[in-house]
Amino acid sequence: GWYRQAPGKQRELVAVISSGGSTNYAASVKGRFTISRDNAKNTVY
């Protein structure tokens, strides 16, 4: 998952991707952010 923390606020989860590639988003970023992963590179975007 990708999290974010703004000054004075708690860290929040904004996007999640499963090992199989399914995704979920917080309402605040849905439609604007896209999470993806490359398991061969051990990298999430």
PDB file of all heavy atoms in Angstrom:
ATOM      1  N   GLY A   1       0.812  -1.207   0.000  1.00  0.00           N
ATOM      2  CA  GLY A   1       0.000   0.000   0.000  1.00  0.00           C
ATOM      3  C   GLY A   1       0.844   1.255   0.000  1.00  0.00           C
ATOM      4  O   GLY A   1       2.023   1.226   0.367  1.00  0.00           O
ATOM      5  N   TRP A   2       0.216   2.346  -0.429  1.00  0.00           N
ATOM      6  CA  TRP A   2       0.818   3.666  -0.303  1.00  0.00           C
ATOM      7  C   TRP A   2       0.070   4.429   0.779  1.00  0.00           C
ATOM      8  O   TRP A   2      -1.177   4.439   0.818  1.00  0.00           O
ATOM      9  CB  TRP A   2       0.725   4.432  -1.623  1.00  0.00           C
ATOM     10  CG  TRP A   2       1.794   4.059  -2.601  1.00  0.00           C
ATOM     11  CD1 TRP A   2       1.706   3.177  -3.629  1.00  0.00           C
ATOM     12  CD2 TRP A   2       3.138   4.554  -2.622  1.00  0.00           C
ATOM     13  NE1 TRP A   2       2.898   3.093  -4.294  1.00  0.00           N
ATOM     14  CE2 TRP A   2       3.803   3.937  -3.703  1.00  0.00           C
ATOM     15  CE3 TRP A   2       3.843   5.483  -1.849  1.00  0.00           C
ATOM     16  CZ2 TRP A   2       5.133   4.197  -4.022  1.00  0.00           C
ATOM     17  CZ3 TRP A   2       5.163   5.743  -2.155  1.00  0.00           C
ATOM     18  CH2 TRP A   2       5.800   5.108  -3.240  1.00  0.00           C
ATOM     19  N   TYR A   3       0.844   5.041   1.649  1.00  0.00           N
ATOM     20  CA  TYR A   3       0.321   5.860   2.733  1.00  0.00           C
ATOM     21  C   TYR A   3       0.797   7.297   2.519  1.00  0.00           C
ATOM     22  O   TYR A   3       1.763   7.545   1.824  1.00  0.00           O
ATOM     23  CB  TYR A   3       0.886   5.395   4.077  1.00  0.00           C
ATOM     24  CG  TYR A   3       0.505   4.006   4.499  1.00  0.00           C
ATOM     25  CD1 TYR A   3       1.100   2.888   3.928  1.00  0.00           C
ATOM     26  CD2 TYR A   3      -0.430   3.803   5.507  1.00  0.00           C
ATOM     27  CE1 TYR A   3       0.760   1.609   4.331  1.00  0.00           C
ATOM     28  CE2 TYR A   3      -0.774   2.527   5.933  1.00  0.00           C
ATOM     29  CZ  TYR A   3      -0.164   1.436   5.345  1.00  0.00           C
ATOM     30  OH  TYR A   3      -0.496   0.173   5.758  1.00  0.00           O
ATOM     31  N   ARG A   4       0.115   8.210   3.198  1.00  0.00           N
ATOM     32  CA  ARG A   4       0.607   9.580   3.225  1.00  0.00           C
ATOM     33  C   ARG A   4       0.342  10.196   4.586  1.00  0.00           C
ATOM     34  O   ARG A   4      -0.593   9.809   5.278  1.00  0.00           O
ATOM     35  CB  ARG A   4      -0.026  10.428   2.127  1.00  0.00           C
ATOM     36  CG  ARG A   4      -1.503  10.685   2.290  1.00  0.00           C
ATOM     37  CD  ARG A   4      -2.034  11.433   1.068  1.00  0.00           C
ATOM     38  NE  ARG A   4      -3.459  11.752   1.182  1.00  0.00           N
ATOM     39  CZ  ARG A   4      -4.182  12.260   0.187  1.00  0.00           C
ATOM     40  NH1 ARG A   4      -3.608  12.518  -0.990  1.00  0.00           N
ATOM     41  NH2 ARG A   4      -5.462  12.527   0.370  1.00  0.00           N
ATOM     42  N   GLN A   5       1.214  11.135   4.932  1.00  0.00           N
ATOM     43  CA  GLN A   5       1.069  11.836   6.208  1.00  0.00           C
ATOM     44  C   GLN A   5       1.313  13.316   5.987  1.00  0.00           C
ATOM     45  O   GLN A   5       2.418  13.728   5.622  1.00  0.00           O
ATOM     46  CB  GLN A   5       2.039  11.288   7.254  1.00  0.00           C
ATOM     47  CG  GLN A   5       1.821  11.863   8.626  1.00  0.00           C
ATOM     48  CD  GLN A   5       2.571  11.085   9.699  1.00  0.00           C
ATOM     49  OE1 GLN A   5       3.528  10.368   9.430  1.00  0.00           O
ATOM     50  NE2 GLN A   5       2.119  11.225  10.939  1.00  0.00           N
ATOM     51  N   ALA A   6       0.261  14.080   6.172  1.00  0.00           N
ATOM     52  CA  ALA A   6       0.358  15.536   6.081  1.00  0.00           C
ATOM     53  C   ALA A   6       0.735  16.091   7.453  1.00  0.00           C
ATOM     54  O   ALA A   6       0.494  15.440   8.476  1.00  0.00           O
ATOM     55  CB  ALA A   6      -0.961  16.118   5.607  1.00  0.00           C
ATOM     56  N   PRO A   7       1.306  17.279   7.497  1.00  0.00           N
ATOM     57  CA  PRO A   7       1.701  17.878   8.786  1.00  0.00           C
ATOM     58  C   PRO A   7       0.524  17.949   9.757  1.00  0.00           C
ATOM     59  O   PRO A   7      -0.558  18.411   9.396  1.00  0.00           O
ATOM     60  CB  PRO A   7       2.170  19.274   8.386  1.00  0.00           C
ATOM     61  CG  PRO A   7       2.631  19.130   6.983  1.00  0.00           C
ATOM     62  CD  PRO A   7       1.697  18.126   6.361  1.00  0.00           C
ATOM     63  N   GLY A   8       0.747  17.461  10.965  1.00  0.00           N
ATOM     64  CA  GLY A   8      -0.283  17.509  11.996  1.00  0.00           C
ATOM     65  C   GLY A   8      -1.375  16.481  11.848  1.00  0.00           C
ATOM     66  O   GLY A   8      -2.346  16.496  12.618  1.00  0.00           O
ATOM     67  N   LYS A   9      -1.251  15.578  10.886  1.00  0.00           N
ATOM     68  CA  LYS A   9      -2.286  14.576  10.657  1.00  0.00           C
ATOM     69  C   LYS A   9      -1.710  13.172  10.792  1.00  0.00           C
ATOM     70  O   LYS A   9      -0.505  12.972  10.719  1.00  0.00           O
ATOM     71  CB  LYS A   9      -2.918  14.757   9.272  1.00  0.00           C
ATOM     72  CG  LYS A   9      -3.680  16.059   9.114  1.00  0.00           C
ATOM     73  CD  LYS A   9      -4.427  16.099   7.804  1.00  0.00           C
ATOM     74  CE  LYS A   9      -5.253  17.369   7.675  1.00  0.00           C
ATOM     75  NZ  LYS A   9      -6.016  17.398   6.392  1.00  0.00           N
ATOM     76  N   GLN A  10      -2.602  12.206  10.995  1.00  0.00           N
ATOM     77  CA  GLN A  10      -2.171  10.824  11.081  1.00  0.00           C
ATOM     78  C   GLN A  10      -1.840  10.271   9.703  1.00  0.00           C
ATOM     79  O   GLN A  10      -2.350  10.739   8.686  1.00  0.00           O
ATOM     80  CB  GLN A  10      -3.276   9.973  11.734  1.00  0.00           C
ATOM     81  CG  GLN A  10      -3.485  10.251  13.215  1.00  0.00           C
ATOM     82  CD  GLN A  10      -4.386   9.237  13.882  1.00  0.00           C
ATOM     83  OE1 GLN A  10      -5.172   8.550  13.226  1.00  0.00           O
ATOM     84  NE2 GLN A  10      -4.279   9.121  15.189  1.00  0.00           N
ATOM     85  N   ARG A  11      -0.993   9.273   9.702  1.00  0.00           N
ATOM     86  CA  ARG A  11      -0.658   8.600   8.452  1.00  0.00           C
ATOM     87  C   ARG A  11      -1.883   7.825   7.975  1.00  0.00           C
ATOM     88  O   ARG A  11      -2.507   7.101   8.745  1.00  0.00           O
ATOM     89  CB  ARG A  11       0.521   7.660   8.681  1.00  0.00           C
ATOM     90  CG  ARG A  11       1.196   7.161   7.441  1.00  0.00           C
ATOM     91  CD  ARG A  11       2.526   6.502   7.779  1.00  0.00           C
ATOM     92  NE  ARG A  11       3.454   7.447   8.394  1.00  0.00           N
ATOM     93  CZ  ARG A  11       4.725   7.160   8.678  1.00  0.00           C
ATOM     94  NH1 ARG A  11       5.209   5.965   8.397  1.00  0.00           N
ATOM     95  NH2 ARG A  11       5.486   8.053   9.254  1.00  0.00           N
ATOM     96  N   GLU A  12      -2.238   7.989   6.694  1.00  0.00           N
ATOM     97  CA  GLU A  12      -3.416   7.334   6.155  1.00  0.00           C
ATOM     98  C   GLU A  12      -3.054   6.501   4.933  1.00  0.00           C
ATOM     99  O   GLU A  12      -2.178   6.844   4.157  1.00  0.00           O
ATOM    100  CB  GLU A  12      -4.481   8.371   5.765  1.00  0.00           C
ATOM    101  CG  GLU A  12      -4.063   9.349   4.692  1.00  0.00           C
ATOM    102  CD  GLU A  12      -5.197  10.211   4.165  1.00  0.00           C
ATOM    103  OE1 GLU A  12      -6.373   9.848   4.340  1.00  0.00           O
ATOM    104  OE2 GLU A  12      -4.892  11.260   3.545  1.00  0.00           O
ATOM    105  N   LEU A  13      -3.784   5.398   4.787  1.00  0.00           N
ATOM    106  CA  LEU A  13      -3.606   4.499   3.655  1.00  0.00           C
ATOM    107  C   LEU A  13      -4.455   5.014   2.500  1.00  0.00           C
ATOM    108  O   LEU A  13      -5.667   5.194   2.648  1.00  0.00           O
ATOM    109  CB  LEU A  13      -4.033   3.083   4.052  1.00  0.00           C
ATOM    110  CG  LEU A  13      -3.905   1.983   3.014  1.00  0.00           C
ATOM    111  CD1 LEU A  13      -2.458   1.777   2.610  1.00  0.00           C
ATOM    112  CD2 LEU A  13      -4.490   0.681   3.571  1.00  0.00           C
ATOM    113  N   VAL A  14      -3.829   5.242   1.345  1.00  0.00           N
ATOM    114  CA  VAL A  14      -4.569   5.809   0.217  1.00  0.00           C
ATOM    115  C   VAL A  14      -4.749   4.845  -0.942  1.00  0.00           C
ATOM    116  O   VAL A  14      -5.660   5.033  -1.754  1.00  0.00           O
ATOM    117  CB  VAL A  14      -3.932   7.120  -0.293  1.00  0.00           C
ATOM    118  CG1 VAL A  14      -3.940   8.187   0.798  1.00  0.00           C
ATOM    119  CG2 VAL A  14      -2.509   6.892  -0.788  1.00  0.00           C
ATOM    120  N   ALA A  15      -3.921   3.824  -1.036  1.00  0.00           N
ATOM    121  CA  ALA A  15      -4.045   2.876  -2.153  1.00  0.00           C
ATOM    122  C   ALA A  15      -3.433   1.543  -1.753  1.00  0.00           C
ATOM    123  O   ALA A  15      -2.419   1.514  -1.045  1.00  0.00           O
ATOM    124  CB  ALA A  15      -3.368   3.416  -3.401  1.00  0.00           C
ATOM    125  N   VAL A  16      -4.062   0.468  -2.202  1.00  0.00           N
ATOM    126  CA  VAL A  16      -3.595  -0.882  -1.908  1.00  0.00           C
ATOM    127  C   VAL A  16      -3.620  -1.715  -3.184  1.00  0.00           C
ATOM    128  O   VAL A  16      -4.546  -1.578  -3.992  1.00  0.00           O
ATOM    129  CB  VAL A  16      -4.480  -1.564  -0.842  1.00  0.00           C
ATOM    130  CG1 VAL A  16      -4.046  -3.013  -0.629  1.00  0.00           C
ATOM    131  CG2 VAL A  16      -4.420  -0.801   0.468  1.00  0.00           C
ATOM    132  N   ILE A  17      -2.613  -2.567  -3.337  1.00  0.00           N
ATOM    133  CA  ILE A  17      -2.608  -3.528  -4.434  1.00  0.00           C
ATOM    134  C   ILE A  17      -2.277  -4.899  -3.867  1.00  0.00           C
ATOM    135  O   ILE A  17      -1.334  -5.053  -3.090  1.00  0.00           O
ATOM    136  CB  ILE A  17      -1.621  -3.108  -5.548  1.00  0.00           C
ATOM    137  CG1 ILE A  17      -1.745  -4.062  -6.748  1.00  0.00           C
ATOM    138  CG2 ILE A  17      -0.189  -3.021  -5.042  1.00  0.00           C
ATOM    139  CD1 ILE A  17      -1.074  -3.533  -8.005  1.00  0.00           C
ATOM    140  N   SER A  18      -3.072  -5.885  -4.232  1.00  0.00           N
ATOM    141  CA  SER A  18      -2.848  -7.244  -3.745  1.00  0.00           C
ATOM    142  C   SER A  18      -1.692  -7.886  -4.498  1.00  0.00           C
ATOM    143  O   SER A  18      -1.197  -7.350  -5.496  1.00  0.00           O
ATOM    144  CB  SER A  18      -4.120  -8.072  -3.928  1.00  0.00           C
ATOM    145  OG  SER A  18      -4.315  -8.354  -5.313  1.00  0.00           O
ATOM    146  N   SER A  19      -1.283  -9.046  -4.023  1.00  0.00           N
ATOM    147  CA  SER A  19      -0.213  -9.769  -4.715  1.00  0.00           C
ATOM    148  C   SER A  19      -0.644 -10.133  -6.135  1.00  0.00           C
ATOM    149  O   SER A  19       0.194 -10.241  -7.034  1.00  0.00           O
ATOM    150  CB  SER A  19       0.170 -11.027  -3.934  1.00  0.00           C
ATOM    151  OG  SER A  19      -0.967 -11.859  -3.762  1.00  0.00           O
ATOM    152  N   GLY A  20      -1.938 -10.265  -6.355  1.00  0.00           N
ATOM    153  CA  GLY A  20      -2.455 -10.615  -7.677  1.00  0.00           C
ATOM    154  C   GLY A  20      -2.815  -9.433  -8.550  1.00  0.00           C
ATOM    155  O   GLY A  20      -3.208  -9.598  -9.708  1.00  0.00           O
ATOM    156  N   GLY A  21      -2.709  -8.225  -7.993  1.00  0.00           N
ATOM    157  CA  GLY A  21      -2.940  -7.031  -8.791  1.00  0.00           C
ATOM    158  C   GLY A  21      -4.260  -6.329  -8.574  1.00  0.00           C
ATOM    159  O   GLY A  21      -4.523  -5.293  -9.194  1.00  0.00           O
ATOM    160  N   SER A  22      -5.109  -6.837  -7.691  1.00  0.00           N
ATOM    161  CA  SER A  22      -6.355  -6.127  -7.383  1.00  0.00           C
ATOM    162  C   SER A  22      -6.048  -4.861  -6.611  1.00  0.00           C
ATOM    163  O   SER A  22      -5.128  -4.838  -5.791  1.00  0.00           O
ATOM    164  CB  SER A  22      -7.277  -7.018  -6.562  1.00  0.00           C
ATOM    165  OG  SER A  22      -7.610  -8.185  -7.275  1.00  0.00           O
ATOM    166  N   THR A  23      -6.826  -3.816  -6.860  1.00  0.00           N
ATOM    167  CA  THR A  23      -6.535  -2.513  -6.251  1.00  0.00           C
ATOM    168  C   THR A  23      -7.738  -1.942  -5.510  1.00  0.00           C
ATOM    169  O   THR A  23      -8.891  -2.240  -5.833  1.00  0.00           O
ATOM    170  CB  THR A  23      -6.090  -1.498  -7.317  1.00  0.00           C
ATOM    171  OG1 THR A  23      -7.132  -1.361  -8.297  1.00  0.00           O
ATOM    172  CG2 THR A  23      -4.810  -1.944  -8.002  1.00  0.00           C
ATOM    173  N   ASN A  24      -7.430  -1.119  -4.515  1.00  0.00           N
ATOM    174  CA  ASN A  24      -8.441  -0.359  -3.781  1.00  0.00           C
ATOM    175  C   ASN A  24      -7.878   1.001  -3.439  1.00  0.00           C
ATOM    176  O   ASN A  24      -6.671   1.137  -3.232  1.00  0.00           O
ATOM    177  CB  ASN A  24      -8.861  -1.079  -2.499  1.00  0.00           C
ATOM    178  CG  ASN A  24      -9.890  -2.165  -2.757  1.00  0.00           C
ATOM    179  OD1 ASN A  24     -11.031  -1.875  -3.082  1.00  0.00           O
ATOM    180  ND2 ASN A  24      -9.470  -3.406  -2.634  1.00  0.00           N
ATOM    181  N   TYR A  25      -8.772   1.991  -3.377  1.00  0.00           N
ATOM    182  CA  TYR A  25      -8.331   3.364  -3.156  1.00  0.00           C
ATOM    183  C   TYR A  25      -9.198   4.059  -2.118  1.00  0.00           C
ATOM    184  O   TYR A  25     -10.393   3.780  -1.988  1.00  0.00           O
ATOM    185  CB  TYR A  25      -8.410   4.162  -4.463  1.00  0.00           C
ATOM    186  CG  TYR A  25      -7.558   3.601  -5.566  1.00  0.00           C
ATOM    187  CD1 TYR A  25      -8.069   2.682  -6.468  1.00  0.00           C
ATOM    188  CD2 TYR A  25      -6.223   3.978  -5.690  1.00  0.00           C
ATOM    189  CE1 TYR A  25      -7.287   2.144  -7.473  1.00  0.00           C
ATOM    190  CE2 TYR A  25      -5.421   3.455  -6.694  1.00  0.00           C
ATOM    191  CZ  TYR A  25      -5.966   2.536  -7.578  1.00  0.00           C
ATOM    192  OH  TYR A  25      -5.170   2.021  -8.567  1.00  0.00           O
ATOM    193  N   ALA A  26      -8.580   4.987  -1.406  1.00  0.00           N
ATOM    194  CA  ALA A  26      -9.354   5.868  -0.551  1.00  0.00           C
ATOM    195  C   ALA A  26     -10.213   6.768  -1.428  1.00  0.00           C
ATOM    196  O   ALA A  26      -9.832   7.101  -2.556  1.00  0.00           O
ATOM    197  CB  ALA A  26      -8.420   6.710   0.312  1.00  0.00           C
ATOM    198  N   ALA A  27     -11.343   7.168  -0.893  1.00  0.00           N
ATOM    199  CA  ALA A  27     -12.261   7.999  -1.669  1.00  0.00           C
ATOM    200  C   ALA A  27     -11.610   9.296  -2.131  1.00  0.00           C
ATOM    201  O   ALA A  27     -11.921   9.817  -3.207  1.00  0.00           O
ATOM    202  CB  ALA A  27     -13.500   8.293  -0.832  1.00  0.00           C
ATOM    203  N   SER A  28     -10.693   9.809  -1.335  1.00  0.00           N
ATOM    204  CA  SER A  28     -10.076  11.095  -1.637  1.00  0.00           C
ATOM    205  C   SER A  28      -9.174  11.059  -2.866  1.00  0.00           C
ATOM    206  O   SER A  28      -8.864  12.104  -3.440  1.00  0.00           O
ATOM    207  CB  SER A  28      -9.279  11.594  -0.428  1.00  0.00           C
ATOM    208  OG  SER A  28      -8.304  10.645  -0.055  1.00  0.00           O
ATOM    209  N   VAL A  29      -8.728   9.866  -3.270  1.00  0.00           N
ATOM    210  CA  VAL A  29      -7.804   9.764  -4.400  1.00  0.00           C
ATOM    211  C   VAL A  29      -8.360   8.933  -5.550  1.00  0.00           C
ATOM    212  O   VAL A  29      -7.762   8.885  -6.620  1.00  0.00           O
ATOM    213  CB  VAL A  29      -6.440   9.193  -3.964  1.00  0.00           C
ATOM    214  CG1 VAL A  29      -5.878   9.991  -2.794  1.00  0.00           C
ATOM    215  CG2 VAL A  29      -6.526   7.717  -3.619  1.00  0.00           C
ATOM    216  N   LYS A  30      -9.489   8.294  -5.334  1.00  0.00           N
ATOM    217  CA  LYS A  30     -10.054   7.410  -6.348  1.00  0.00           C
ATOM    218  C   LYS A  30     -10.331   8.182  -7.626  1.00  0.00           C
ATOM    219  O   LYS A  30     -10.881   9.274  -7.605  1.00  0.00           O
ATOM    220  CB  LYS A  30     -11.337   6.762  -5.828  1.00  0.00           C
ATOM    221  CG  LYS A  30     -11.786   5.565  -6.635  1.00  0.00           C
ATOM    222  CD  LYS A  30     -12.900   4.827  -5.922  1.00  0.00           C
ATOM    223  CE  LYS A  30     -13.258   3.550  -6.635  1.00  0.00           C
ATOM    224  NZ  LYS A  30     -14.301   2.774  -5.914  1.00  0.00           N
ATOM    225  N   GLY A  31      -9.902   7.612  -8.741  1.00  0.00           N
ATOM    226  CA  GLY A  31     -10.082   8.267 -10.034  1.00  0.00           C
ATOM    227  C   GLY A  31      -8.922   9.155 -10.435  1.00  0.00           C
ATOM    228  O   GLY A  31      -8.829   9.568 -11.596  1.00  0.00           O
ATOM    229  N   ARG A  32      -8.049   9.451  -9.475  1.00  0.00           N
ATOM    230  CA  ARG A  32      -6.887  10.309  -9.767  1.00  0.00           C
ATOM    231  C   ARG A  32      -5.560   9.564  -9.600  1.00  0.00           C
ATOM    232  O   ARG A  32      -4.604   9.858 -10.314  1.00  0.00           O
ATOM    233  CB  ARG A  32      -6.893  11.527  -8.847  1.00  0.00           C
ATOM    234  CG  ARG A  32      -8.134  12.393  -8.957  1.00  0.00           C
ATOM    235  CD  ARG A  32      -7.991  13.671  -8.143  1.00  0.00           C
ATOM    236  NE  ARG A  32      -7.847  13.400  -6.707  1.00  0.00           N
ATOM    237  CZ  ARG A  32      -6.799  13.795  -5.981  1.00  0.00           C
ATOM    238  NH1 ARG A  32      -5.798  14.449  -6.544  1.00  0.00           N
ATOM    239  NH2 ARG A  32      -6.768  13.538  -4.685  1.00  0.00           N
ATOM    240  N   PHE A  33      -5.502   8.634  -8.660  1.00  0.00           N
ATOM    241  CA  PHE A  33      -4.274   7.894  -8.382  1.00  0.00           C
ATOM    242  C   PHE A  33      -4.424   6.462  -8.900  1.00  0.00           C
ATOM    243  O   PHE A  33      -5.506   5.881  -8.854  1.00  0.00           O
ATOM    244  CB  PHE A  33      -4.006   7.832  -6.886  1.00  0.00           C
ATOM    245  CG  PHE A  33      -3.601   9.132  -6.252  1.00  0.00           C
ATOM    246  CD1 PHE A  33      -3.690  10.340  -6.925  1.00  0.00           C
ATOM    247  CD2 PHE A  33      -3.118   9.149  -4.948  1.00  0.00           C
ATOM    248  CE1 PHE A  33      -3.319  11.536  -6.326  1.00  0.00           C
ATOM    249  CE2 PHE A  33      -2.730  10.334  -4.336  1.00  0.00           C
ATOM    250  CZ  PHE A  33      -2.838  11.522  -5.020  1.00  0.00           C
ATOM    251  N   THR A  34      -3.294   5.893  -9.336  1.00  0.00           N
ATOM    252  CA  THR A  34      -3.266   4.502  -9.773  1.00  0.00           C
ATOM    253  C   THR A  34      -2.061   3.806  -9.163  1.00  0.00           C
ATOM    254  O   THR A  34      -0.928   4.256  -9.344  1.00  0.00           O
ATOM    255  CB  THR A  34      -3.193   4.403 -11.303  1.00  0.00           C
ATOM    256  OG1 THR A  34      -4.314   5.082 -11.884  1.00  0.00           O
ATOM    257  CG2 THR A  34      -3.209   2.948 -11.746  1.00  0.00           C
ATOM    258  N   ILE A  35      -2.318   2.717  -8.457  1.00  0.00           N
ATOM    259  CA  ILE A  35      -1.243   1.924  -7.865  1.00  0.00           C
ATOM    260  C   ILE A  35      -0.959   0.739  -8.775  1.00  0.00           C
ATOM    261  O   ILE A  35      -1.877   0.150  -9.365  1.00  0.00           O
ATOM    262  CB  ILE A  35      -1.607   1.470  -6.431  1.00  0.00           C
ATOM    263  CG1 ILE A  35      -0.409   0.807  -5.745  1.00  0.00           C
ATOM    264  CG2 ILE A  35      -2.829   0.564  -6.428  1.00  0.00           C
ATOM    265  CD1 ILE A  35      -0.631   0.521  -4.257  1.00  0.00           C
ATOM    266  N   SER A  36       0.312   0.407  -8.917  1.00  0.00           N
ATOM    267  CA  SER A  36       0.711  -0.746  -9.717  1.00  0.00           C
ATOM    268  C   SER A  36       1.961  -1.360  -9.102  1.00  0.00           C
ATOM    269  O   SER A  36       2.576  -0.766  -8.207  1.00  0.00           O
ATOM    270  CB  SER A  36       0.957  -0.338 -11.179  1.00  0.00           C
ATOM    271  OG  SER A  36       1.992   0.616 -11.268  1.00  0.00           O
ATOM    272  N   ARG A  37       2.320  -2.528  -9.582  1.00  0.00           N
ATOM    273  CA  ARG A  37       3.512  -3.177  -9.037  1.00  0.00           C
ATOM    274  C   ARG A  37       4.221  -3.961 -10.127  1.00  0.00           C
ATOM    275  O   ARG A  37       3.611  -4.421 -11.087  1.00  0.00           O
ATOM    276  CB  ARG A  37       3.133  -4.083  -7.864  1.00  0.00           C
ATOM    277  CG  ARG A  37       2.308  -5.294  -8.240  1.00  0.00           C
ATOM    278  CD  ARG A  37       1.767  -5.996  -6.987  1.00  0.00           C
ATOM    279  NE  ARG A  37       2.848  -6.509  -6.141  1.00  0.00           N
ATOM    280  CZ  ARG A  37       2.695  -6.833  -4.865  1.00  0.00           C
ATOM    281  NH1 ARG A  37       1.520  -6.696  -4.272  1.00  0.00           N
ATOM    282  NH2 ARG A  37       3.713  -7.302  -4.182  1.00  0.00           N
ATOM    283  N   ASP A  38       5.525  -4.115  -9.937  1.00  0.00           N
ATOM    284  CA  ASP A  38       6.362  -4.948 -10.789  1.00  0.00           C
ATOM    285  C   ASP A  38       7.098  -5.897  -9.864  1.00  0.00           C
ATOM    286  O   ASP A  38       8.102  -5.518  -9.252  1.00  0.00           O
ATOM    287  CB  ASP A  38       7.325  -4.075 -11.600  1.00  0.00           C
ATOM    288  CG  ASP A  38       8.127  -4.879 -12.614  1.00  0.00           C
ATOM    289  OD1 ASP A  38       8.287  -6.100 -12.420  1.00  0.00           O
ATOM    290  OD2 ASP A  38       8.600  -4.282 -13.593  1.00  0.00           O
ATOM    291  N   ASN A  39       6.584  -7.112  -9.738  1.00  0.00           N
ATOM    292  CA  ASN A  39       7.185  -8.058  -8.793  1.00  0.00           C
ATOM    293  C   ASN A  39       8.595  -8.454  -9.188  1.00  0.00           C
ATOM    294  O   ASN A  39       9.424  -8.745  -8.326  1.00  0.00           O
ATOM    295  CB  ASN A  39       6.303  -9.300  -8.668  1.00  0.00           C
ATOM    296  CG  ASN A  39       5.001  -9.017  -7.935  1.00  0.00           C
ATOM    297  OD1 ASN A  39       4.915  -8.074  -7.157  1.00  0.00           O
ATOM    298  ND2 ASN A  39       3.992  -9.821  -8.191  1.00  0.00           N
ATOM    299  N   ALA A  40       8.886  -8.460 -10.467  1.00  0.00           N
ATOM    300  CA  ALA A  40      10.238  -8.804 -10.912  1.00  0.00           C
ATOM    301  C   ALA A  40      11.260  -7.778 -10.428  1.00  0.00           C
ATOM    302  O   ALA A  40      12.439  -8.098 -10.243  1.00  0.00           O
ATOM    303  CB  ALA A  40      10.282  -8.911 -12.430  1.00  0.00           C
ATOM    304  N   LYS A  41      10.800  -6.542 -10.244  1.00  0.00           N
ATOM    305  CA  LYS A  41      11.685  -5.472  -9.777  1.00  0.00           C
ATOM    306  C   LYS A  41      11.477  -5.158  -8.300  1.00  0.00           C
ATOM    307  O   LYS A  41      12.091  -4.222  -7.780  1.00  0.00           O
ATOM    308  CB  LYS A  41      11.452  -4.213 -10.603  1.00  0.00           C
ATOM    309  CG  LYS A  41      11.821  -4.354 -12.073  1.00  0.00           C
ATOM    310  CD  LYS A  41      11.597  -3.044 -12.828  1.00  0.00           C
ATOM    311  CE  LYS A  41      12.003  -3.186 -14.280  1.00  0.00           C
ATOM    312  NZ  LYS A  41      11.790  -1.916 -15.030  1.00  0.00           N
ATOM    313  N   ASN A  42      10.590  -5.910  -7.635  1.00  0.00           N
ATOM    314  CA  ASN A  42      10.294  -5.637  -6.218  1.00  0.00           C
ATOM    315  C   ASN A  42       9.929  -4.177  -6.011  1.00  0.00           C
ATOM    316  O   ASN A  42      10.400  -3.526  -5.065  1.00  0.00           O
ATOM    317  CB  ASN A  42      11.477  -6.008  -5.326  1.00  0.00           C
ATOM    318  CG  ASN A  42      11.583  -7.499  -5.094  1.00  0.00           C
ATOM    319  OD1 ASN A  42      10.728  -8.271  -5.517  1.00  0.00           O
ATOM    320  ND2 ASN A  42      12.638  -7.925  -4.430  1.00  0.00           N
ATOM    321  N   THR A  43       9.095  -3.646  -6.897  1.00  0.00           N
ATOM    322  CA  THR A  43       8.774  -2.223  -6.868  1.00  0.00           C
ATOM    323  C   THR A  43       7.271  -2.020  -6.993  1.00  0.00           C
ATOM    324  O   THR A  43       6.610  -2.713  -7.775  1.00  0.00           O
ATOM    325  CB  THR A  43       9.502  -1.483  -8.000  1.00  0.00           C
ATOM    326  OG1 THR A  43      10.908  -1.672  -7.851  1.00  0.00           O
ATOM    327  CG2 THR A  43       9.206   0.011  -7.955  1.00  0.00           C
ATOM    328  N   VAL A  44       6.766  -1.081  -6.220  1.00  0.00           N
ATOM    329  CA  VAL A  44       5.368  -0.658  -6.329  1.00  0.00           C
ATOM    330  C   VAL A  44       5.357   0.817  -6.698  1.00  0.00           C
ATOM    331  O   VAL A  44       6.223   1.585  -6.262  1.00  0.00           O
ATOM    332  CB  VAL A  44       4.599  -0.938  -5.015  1.00  0.00           C
ATOM    333  CG1 VAL A  44       5.181  -0.180  -3.846  1.00  0.00           C
ATOM    334  CG2 VAL A  44       3.130  -0.633  -5.185  1.00  0.00           C
ATOM    335  N   TYR A  45       4.403   1.200  -7.520  1.00  0.00           N
ATOM    336  CA  TYR A  45       4.332   2.561  -8.042  1.00  0.00           C
ATOM    337  C   TYR A  45       3.020   3.229  -7.645  1.00  0.00           C
ATOM    338  O   TYR A  45       2.029   2.564  -7.374  1.00  0.00           O
ATOM    339  CB  TYR A  45       4.427   2.544  -9.573  1.00  0.00           C
ATOM    340  CG  TYR A  45       5.646   1.860 -10.112  1.00  0.00           C
ATOM    341  CD1 TYR A  45       5.596   0.533 -10.533  1.00  0.00           C
ATOM    342  CD2 TYR A  45       6.866   2.530 -10.208  1.00  0.00           C
ATOM    343  CE1 TYR A  45       6.708  -0.113 -11.034  1.00  0.00           C
ATOM    344  CE2 TYR A  45       7.992   1.896 -10.702  1.00  0.00           C
ATOM    345  CZ  TYR A  45       7.901   0.575 -11.124  1.00  0.00           C
ATOM    346  OH  TYR A  45       9.020  -0.054 -11.603  1.00  0.00           O
TER     347      TYR A  45
END
